[in-house]
C-alpha atoms as a PDB file:
ATOM      1  CA  MET A   1      -7.718  -4.226  10.474  1.00  0.00           C
ATOM      2  CA  THR A   2      -6.061  -7.221  11.838  1.00  0.00           C
ATOM      3  CA  ASP A   3      -6.818  -8.394  15.368  1.00  0.00           C
ATOM      4  CA  LEU A   4      -3.623  -7.798  17.349  1.00  0.00           C
ATOM      5  CA  THR A   5      -4.234 -10.574  19.882  1.00  0.00           C
ATOM      6  CA  GLY A   6      -1.021 -12.631  19.908  1.00  0.00           C
ATOM      7  CA  ALA A   7       1.111  -9.784  18.558  1.00  0.00           C
ATOM      8  CA  VAL A   8       4.777 -10.214  19.539  1.00  0.00           C
ATOM      9  CA  TRP A   9       6.159  -6.690  20.018  1.00  0.00           C
ATOM     10  CA  ARG A  10       9.752  -5.870  19.632  1.00  0.00           C
ATOM     11  CA  LYS A  11      11.689  -2.550  19.986  1.00  0.00           C
ATOM     12  CA  SER A  12      12.741  -1.208  16.733  1.00  0.00           C
ATOM     13  CA  THR A  13      16.483  -1.575  16.026  1.00  0.00           C
ATOM     14  CA  ARG A  14      16.443   2.155  15.124  1.00  0.00           C
ATOM     15  CA  SER A  15      15.206   3.172  18.565  1.00  0.00           C
ATOM     16  CA  GLY A  16      18.173   4.158  20.737  1.00  0.00           C
ATOM     17  CA  ASP A  17      18.481   4.124  24.447  1.00  0.00           C
ATOM     18  CA  ASN A  18      16.737   7.499  24.882  1.00  0.00           C
ATOM     19  CA  GLY A  19      14.692   7.204  27.937  1.00  0.00           C
ATOM     20  CA  GLY A  20      11.730   5.257  26.562  1.00  0.00           C
ATOM     21  CA  ASP A  21      11.024   7.112  23.367  1.00  0.00           C
ATOM     22  CA  CYS A  22      10.752   3.949  21.395  1.00  0.00           C
ATOM     23  CA  VAL A  23       8.810   2.481  18.483  1.00  0.00           C
ATOM     24  CA  GLU A  24       7.779  -1.117  18.755  1.00  0.00           C
ATOM     25  CA  VAL A  25       6.733  -3.392  15.847  1.00  0.00           C
ATOM     26  CA  ALA A  26       4.960  -6.706  15.568  1.00  0.00           C
ATOM     27  CA  THR A  27       5.682  -8.616  12.419  1.00  0.00           C
ATOM     28  CA  ASN A  28       4.345 -12.016  13.408  1.00  0.00           C
ATOM     29  CA  LEU A  29       0.787 -11.403  12.055  1.00  0.00           C
ATOM     30  CA  SER A  30      -0.767 -11.023   8.642  1.00  0.00           C
ATOM     31  CA  GLN A  31      -0.169  -7.258   8.915  1.00  0.00           C
ATOM     32  CA  VAL A  32       2.671  -5.289  10.423  1.00  0.00           C
ATOM     33  CA  ALA A  33       1.715  -3.242  13.513  1.00  0.00           C
ATOM     34  CA  VAL A  34       3.583  -0.292  14.959  1.00  0.00           C
ATOM     35  CA  ARG A  35       3.077   1.356  18.465  1.00  0.00           C
ATOM     36  CA  ASP A  36       4.623   3.670  20.929  1.00  0.00           C
ATOM     37  CA  SER A  37       6.329   1.816  23.743  1.00  0.00           C
ATOM     38  CA  LYS A  38       5.268   4.488  26.252  1.00  0.00           C
ATOM     39  CA  ASP A  39       1.644   3.839  25.488  1.00  0.00           C
ATOM     40  CA  PRO A  40       1.267   0.106  24.662  1.00  0.00           C
ATOM     41  CA  ALA A  41      -2.527   0.260  25.010  1.00  0.00           C
ATOM     42  CA  GLY A  42      -2.817   3.290  22.831  1.00  0.00           C
ATOM     43  CA  PRO A  43      -3.248   3.724  19.129  1.00  0.00           C
ATOM     44  CA  ARG A  44      -1.446   1.481  16.623  1.00  0.00           C
ATOM     45  CA  LEU A  45      -0.652   1.804  13.051  1.00  0.00           C
ATOM     46  CA  GLN A  46      -1.222  -1.243  10.832  1.00  0.00           C
ATOM     47  CA  PHE A  47       0.442  -1.798   7.487  1.00  0.00           C
ATOM     48  CA  SER A  48       0.005  -4.455   4.829  1.00  0.00           C
ATOM     49  CA  ARG A  49       3.321  -6.338   4.312  1.00  0.00           C
ATOM     50  CA  THR A  50       3.675  -4.645   0.868  1.00  0.00           C
ATOM     51  CA  GLY A  51       2.907  -1.246   2.415  1.00  0.00           C
ATOM     52  CA  TRP A  52       5.412  -1.880   5.228  1.00  0.00           C
ATOM     53  CA  SER A  53       8.113  -2.793   2.751  1.00  0.00           C
ATOM     54  CA  ALA A  54       7.425   0.360   0.671  1.00  0.00           C
ATOM     55  CA  PHE A  55       7.537   2.464   3.817  1.00  0.00           C
ATOM     56  CA  LEU A  56      10.917   1.112   4.839  1.00  0.00           C
ATOM     57  CA  THR A  57      12.181   1.512   1.335  1.00  0.00           C
ATOM     58  CA  ALA A  58      11.067   5.143   1.271  1.00  0.00           C
ATOM     59  CA  LEU A  59      12.774   5.792   4.567  1.00  0.00           C
ATOM     60  CA  THR A  60      15.979   4.246   3.396  1.00  0.00           C
ATOM     61  CA  ASN A  61      15.952   6.115   0.111  1.00  0.00           C
ATOM     62  CA  GLY A  62      15.180   9.347   1.907  1.00  0.00           C
ATOM     63  CA  ALA A  63      18.106   8.780   4.346  1.00  0.00           C
ATOM     64  CA  GLN A  64      20.466   8.238   1.364  1.00  0.00           C
ATOM     65  CA  HIS A  65      19.415  11.621  -0.264  1.00  0.00           C
ATOM     66  CA  ARG A  66      20.280  13.843   2.760  1.00  0.00           C
END
């Protein structure tokens, strides 16, 4: 796991203005980290850059097949 000190978190562009139910991502490190904006000190998921890219591709492809 990557040390997340220095992570620059940003709200996902897919998170709407829905009262704080947001996903935040940090892409400025060697891995991509994801957290719940309501619990910034809580658990975080970490992806390799390749894994993150595959995850986003799978989401995009799934959305196209609905």
